[in-house]
Amino acid sequence: MKLASYMAGGKECYGAIVGDGVVTMKGHASLRDALAAGALDEMRKAAAAKPDHKLSDIRFLPVIPNPHKILCAGVNYKSHAAEVGRELPKQPSMFIRFTDTLVGHAGVMIRPRLSDNFDFEGELTMVIGKGGRHIPIERALDHVAGYTVFVDGSVRDYQKFSVTSGKNWPGTGPLGPWLVTSDEIPDPAALTLTTRLNGQQVQHSGTDKLIYSCQQIVSFCSDFTELNPGDIIATGTPEGVGHSRKPPLWMKPGDVLEVEISRIGVLRTTIADET
């Protein structure tokens, strides 16, 4: 099942993607609230209804527009660690993003006016369905509602001084286009991630190349913070990022960025300058 958040008829909605349409769900204020209520089975039944909107008539929101937390793993592919000259982390290297960085599918990524060092990082991302603390690795995937795609848009010159300042500019974190429930992806290490900038492939990797697996990341995060339904956990990016190229490949206004993950779909955004 594919679940999305979107605007339709001037209202924020959530629902299931069915063919070229969407079945709008009722009963909860948001997809995050539906997950918190344990409503996945309820949503599966509701998804059998006839779509009430075409995909072409909705505006996608970030798949979870209002997560409690956005946790991101840094340097979690050996190939990426090598290209940026970093040692392999001795444990998952997590940082935090703000909610106002999120952008929906087919939306606009905002290049900050204070920097042109605007870089892409395509990432497999988990959406928590069942919260908890101190979650054992062997049960970690039981807490994942599903998987989606994320772009960790990075302002590299600011990141040199602080990860927080490099990763938290508004409108730099596309998330979507939808969540694919975990029953359809039993092994998140068996996927393929591809990033394209203006149609040219810039990243390509299997998710089996993660240094720390999805299970390890969920378990680690649950040790230092309580996970809640709807929390977003990004797993890191493979090699090919713009700042490691010679010359660097920065995103600029008018560029089109696509990140595709097998069995999930394509997250597409356009780059624009901050006004």
Protein backbone atom coordinates (compact mmCIF):
# COMPACT_ATOMS: atom_id res chain seq x y z
CA MET A 1 0.00 0.00 0.00
CA LYS A 2 1.17 3.49 -0.87
CA LEU A 3 0.14 6.27 1.51
CA ALA A 4 0.52 9.97 0.81
CA SER A 5 -0.23 13.39 2.29
CA TYR A 6 -1.54 16.06 -0.07
CA MET A 7 -3.68 19.14 -0.66
CA ALA A 8 -7.04 18.60 -2.36
CA GLY A 9 -9.92 21.05 -2.55
CA GLY A 10 -7.98 23.48 -0.38
CA LYS A 11 -7.65 20.97 2.47
CA GLU A 12 -4.78 18.93 3.87
CA CYS A 13 -5.59 15.26 3.32
CA TYR A 14 -4.01 11.83 3.47
CA GLY A 15 -4.90 8.70 1.59
CA ALA A 16 -3.88 5.67 -0.45
CA ILE A 17 -2.50 5.83 -3.98
CA VAL A 18 -4.54 3.57 -6.26
CA GLY A 19 -3.56 3.61 -9.93
CA ASP A 20 -3.59 7.19 -11.18
CA GLY A 21 -5.79 8.35 -8.31
CA VAL A 22 -5.98 8.61 -4.56
CA VAL A 23 -8.51 7.38 -2.02
CA THR A 24 -8.84 10.04 0.66
CA MET A 25 -8.98 8.63 4.20
CA LYS A 26 -11.16 9.87 7.05
CA GLY A 27 -11.09 9.54 10.79
CA HIS A 28 -7.73 11.09 11.67
CA ALA A 29 -6.31 14.57 11.32
CA SER A 30 -3.18 13.47 9.46
CA LEU A 31 -1.24 10.43 8.30
CA ARG A 32 0.95 10.77 11.39
CA ASP A 33 -2.15 10.60 13.59
CA ALA A 34 -3.44 7.59 11.67
CA LEU A 35 -0.15 5.77 12.24
CA ALA A 36 -0.23 6.70 15.93
CA ALA A 37 -3.71 5.19 16.15
CA GLY A 38 -2.48 1.92 14.63
CA ALA A 39 -4.83 2.38 11.67
CA LEU A 40 -2.85 0.61 8.93
CA ASP A 41 -5.32 -2.28 8.66
CA GLU A 42 -8.18 0.21 8.64
CA MET A 43 -6.49 2.12 5.82
CA ARG A 44 -5.94 -1.08 3.80
CA LYS A 45 -9.68 -1.75 3.88
CA ALA A 46 -10.50 1.84 2.98
CA ALA A 47 -8.08 1.69 0.03
CA ALA A 48 -10.47 -0.70 -1.73
CA ALA A 49 -12.79 2.24 -2.44
CA LYS A 50 -12.91 4.15 -5.71
CA PRO A 51 -10.35 7.00 -5.92
CA ASP A 52 -11.91 10.41 -5.30
CA HIS A 53 -9.10 12.51 -6.82
CA LYS A 54 -6.73 12.07 -9.71
CA LEU A 55 -3.04 12.40 -8.92
CA SER A 56 -2.89 15.24 -11.43
CA ASP A 57 -5.41 17.18 -9.33
CA ILE A 58 -3.62 17.05 -5.98
CA ARG A 59 -0.55 18.83 -4.62
CA PHE A 60 1.75 16.47 -2.76
CA LEU A 61 2.86 17.41 0.74
CA PRO A 62 5.84 15.83 2.50
CA VAL A 63 4.68 12.28 3.16
CA ILE A 64 4.59 13.14 6.88
CA PRO A 65 4.16 16.94 6.97
CA ASN A 66 4.42 17.20 10.74
CA PRO A 67 6.84 14.61 12.16
CA HIS A 68 7.92 14.88 15.77
CA LYS A 69 11.50 14.16 14.69
CA ILE A 70 13.61 14.02 11.54
CA LEU A 71 16.74 11.98 12.28
CA CYS A 72 19.42 11.58 9.61
CA ALA A 73 22.41 9.26 9.38
CA GLY A 74 25.59 10.85 8.07
CA VAL A 75 28.44 9.02 6.31
CA ASN A 76 26.63 5.69 6.17
CA TYR A 77 28.01 4.28 2.88
CA LYS A 78 31.68 3.28 2.64
CA SER A 79 31.82 4.76 -0.86
CA HIS A 80 30.60 8.13 0.40
CA ALA A 81 33.00 8.07 3.35
CA ALA A 82 35.86 7.47 0.89
CA GLU A 83 34.88 10.28 -1.48
CA VAL A 84 34.66 12.85 1.33
CA GLY A 85 37.77 11.58 3.16
CA ARG A 86 36.00 10.58 6.35
CA GLU A 87 36.75 7.68 8.67
CA LEU A 88 34.00 5.10 9.04
CA PRO A 89 31.79 5.98 12.01
CA LYS A 90 32.11 3.72 15.04
CA GLN A 91 28.37 4.01 15.55
CA PRO A 92 25.55 5.59 13.51
CA SER A 93 26.41 9.29 13.12
CA MET A 94 23.04 10.99 13.51
CA PHE A 95 22.01 14.61 13.11
CA ILE A 96 18.63 16.35 13.28
CA ARG A 97 16.64 18.31 10.71
CA PHE A 98 13.84 20.81 11.32
CA THR A 99 10.30 20.24 10.06
CA ASP A 100 10.30 23.43 7.96
CA THR A 101 13.04 21.97 5.76
CA LEU A 102 10.57 19.48 4.28
CA VAL A 103 9.22 19.74 0.72
CA GLY A 104 6.61 17.60 -1.05
CA HIS A 105 7.00 15.64 -4.28
CA ALA A 106 6.86 17.84 -7.40
CA GLY A 107 7.60 20.83 -5.19
CA VAL A 108 10.45 23.32 -5.16
CA MET A 109 13.78 23.03 -3.36
CA ILE A 110 15.01 26.44 -2.27
CA ARG A 111 18.64 27.40 -2.88
CA PRO A 112 19.60 29.84 -0.10
CA ARG A 113 20.48 33.38 -1.12
CA LEU A 114 23.64 33.24 1.02
CA SER A 115 25.24 30.29 -0.77
CA ASP A 116 25.56 28.65 -4.17
CA ASN A 117 27.15 25.50 -2.67
CA PHE A 118 23.83 23.64 -2.87
CA ASP A 119 24.28 19.86 -2.99
CA PHE A 120 22.10 16.74 -3.38
CA GLU A 121 21.99 13.57 -1.30
CA GLY A 122 19.42 10.90 -2.23
CA GLU A 123 18.45 8.64 0.67
CA LEU A 124 16.29 5.67 1.61
CA THR A 125 14.15 6.76 4.53
CA MET A 126 12.06 5.02 7.16
CA VAL A 127 8.78 6.19 8.66
CA ILE A 128 8.18 4.93 12.19
CA GLY A 129 4.83 3.25 12.77
CA LYS A 130 5.20 2.06 16.34
CA GLY A 131 7.17 4.10 18.83
CA GLY A 132 9.39 2.96 21.65
CA ARG A 133 12.67 3.16 23.54
CA HIS A 134 15.57 0.69 23.62
CA ILE A 135 14.23 -1.30 20.68
CA PRO A 136 16.23 -4.51 20.07
CA ILE A 137 17.85 -4.76 16.64
CA GLU A 138 16.05 -8.02 15.89
CA ARG A 139 12.65 -6.30 16.37
CA ALA A 140 13.52 -2.91 14.91
CA LEU A 141 11.76 -3.36 11.57
CA ASP A 142 8.52 -4.19 13.43
CA HIS A 143 8.50 -0.50 14.39
CA VAL A 144 8.76 0.73 10.77
CA ALA A 145 5.45 1.58 9.07
CA GLY A 146 7.11 1.90 5.68
CA TYR A 147 9.73 3.47 3.46
CA THR A 148 9.99 6.61 1.38
CA VAL A 149 12.56 8.76 -0.43
CA PHE A 150 14.38 11.80 0.96
CA VAL A 151 16.77 14.41 -0.40
CA ASP A 152 19.16 15.72 2.23
CA GLY A 153 19.79 19.03 0.48
CA SER A 154 23.06 20.37 1.89
CA VAL A 155 24.59 23.84 1.94
CA ARG A 156 28.21 22.73 1.92
CA ASP A 157 30.08 25.93 2.81
CA TYR A 158 27.94 26.30 5.95
CA GLN A 159 28.24 22.58 6.70
CA LYS A 160 32.02 23.02 7.01
CA PHE A 161 31.41 24.92 10.23
CA SER A 162 28.35 23.08 11.52
CA VAL A 163 26.24 20.17 10.34
CA THR A 164 23.19 21.87 11.84
CA SER A 165 23.68 25.04 9.81
CA GLY A 166 24.42 23.14 6.61
CA LYS A 167 21.37 20.88 6.81
CA ASN A 168 18.55 23.07 8.07
CA TRP A 169 17.78 25.75 5.50
CA PRO A 170 14.03 25.96 4.85
CA GLY A 171 12.75 24.07 1.84
CA THR A 172 15.84 21.92 1.31
CA GLY A 173 14.49 18.46 2.25
CA PRO A 174 12.10 16.82 -0.24
CA LEU A 175 10.29 13.82 1.26
CA GLY A 176 8.01 11.49 -0.70
CA PRO A 177 6.33 10.96 -3.00
CA TRP A 178 4.57 8.47 -0.71
CA LEU A 179 5.18 5.86 1.95
CA VAL A 180 5.27 2.22 0.81
CA THR A 181 4.19 0.03 3.71
CA SER A 182 6.76 -2.35 5.10
CA ASP A 183 4.80 -5.48 4.16
CA GLU A 184 5.66 -4.65 0.53
CA ILE A 185 9.36 -4.16 1.35
CA PRO A 186 10.32 -6.98 3.73
CA ASP A 187 14.05 -6.37 3.15
CA PRO A 188 15.07 -2.69 2.92
CA ALA A 189 18.62 -3.81 2.11
CA ALA A 190 17.46 -5.21 -1.25
CA LEU A 191 16.66 -1.89 -2.95
CA THR A 192 18.46 0.26 -5.52
CA LEU A 193 18.84 4.04 -5.23
CA THR A 194 19.47 6.27 -8.24
CA THR A 195 19.79 10.07 -8.26
CA ARG A 196 19.51 12.08 -11.49
CA LEU A 197 20.24 15.77 -11.98
CA ASN A 198 18.69 17.12 -15.19
CA GLY A 199 18.34 13.55 -16.42
CA GLN A 200 21.99 12.62 -15.82
CA GLN A 201 22.70 9.85 -13.30
CA VAL A 202 24.84 11.14 -10.43
CA GLN A 203 24.30 8.48 -7.75
CA HIS A 204 23.60 4.76 -8.03
CA SER A 205 23.87 2.18 -5.27
CA GLY A 206 22.24 -0.81 -3.65
CA THR A 207 20.99 -0.21 -0.13
CA ASP A 208 22.90 -3.33 0.90
CA LYS A 209 25.95 -1.04 0.92
CA LEU A 210 24.82 0.77 4.08
CA ILE A 211 27.42 0.67 6.84
CA TYR A 212 24.71 0.56 9.50
CA SER A 213 21.50 -1.21 8.50
CA CYS A 214 17.99 0.13 8.94
CA GLN A 215 17.60 -2.18 11.94
CA GLN A 216 20.78 -0.88 13.59
CA ILE A 217 19.83 2.74 13.01
CA VAL A 218 16.33 2.36 14.49
CA SER A 219 17.70 0.55 17.53
CA PHE A 220 20.47 3.12 18.05
CA CYS A 221 18.12 6.09 17.75
CA SER A 222 15.64 4.54 20.19
CA ASP A 223 18.37 4.36 22.81
CA PHE A 224 18.95 8.12 22.94
CA THR A 225 15.39 9.33 22.19
CA GLU A 226 11.87 7.97 22.28
CA LEU A 227 10.67 7.21 18.77
CA ASN A 228 7.11 8.22 17.87
CA PRO A 229 4.78 7.21 15.04
CA GLY A 230 5.47 9.37 12.02
CA ASP A 231 9.10 10.05 12.94
CA ILE A 232 11.39 10.19 9.91
CA ILE A 233 14.76 8.38 9.89
CA ALA A 234 16.96 8.88 6.82
CA THR A 235 19.71 6.31 6.29
CA GLY A 236 22.45 8.31 4.53
CA THR A 237 23.60 8.82 0.95
CA PRO A 238 25.95 6.89 -1.37
CA GLU A 239 28.84 8.31 -3.38
CA GLY A 240 28.42 10.81 -6.18
CA VAL A 241 27.53 13.97 -4.28
CA GLY A 242 28.31 17.28 -5.95
CA HIS A 243 30.96 18.67 -3.62
CA SER A 244 33.26 15.66 -4.16
CA ARG A 245 33.39 16.18 -7.91
CA LYS A 246 36.06 18.16 -9.72
CA PRO A 247 34.81 20.73 -10.44
CA PRO A 248 32.00 20.62 -7.85
CA LEU A 249 28.51 20.03 -9.22
CA TRP A 250 26.14 22.40 -7.43
CA MET A 251 22.39 22.56 -7.99
CA LYS A 252 21.18 25.81 -9.56
CA PRO A 253 17.81 27.42 -10.31
CA GLY A 254 15.87 25.56 -12.99
CA ASP A 255 17.56 22.22 -12.32
CA VAL A 256 15.38 19.13 -11.92
CA LEU A 257 16.42 16.60 -9.29
CA GLU A 258 15.03 13.07 -9.22
CA VAL A 259 15.74 10.34 -6.68
CA GLU A 260 14.38 6.92 -7.53
CA ILE A 261 14.35 3.91 -5.21
CA SER A 262 13.18 0.57 -6.54
CA ARG A 263 9.81 -0.63 -5.18
CA ILE A 264 9.10 2.89 -3.87
CA GLY A 265 9.11 5.35 -6.77
CA VAL A 266 10.56 8.65 -7.96
CA LEU A 267 10.78 11.80 -5.86
CA ARG A 268 11.07 14.82 -8.18
CA THR A 269 11.74 18.47 -7.34
CA THR A 270 12.78 21.64 -9.15
CA ILE A 271 15.44 24.02 -7.82
CA ALA A 272 14.65 27.73 -7.32
CA ASP A 273 16.44 30.62 -5.65
CA GLU A 274 15.26 31.97 -2.33
CA THR A 275 13.28 35.17 -2.83
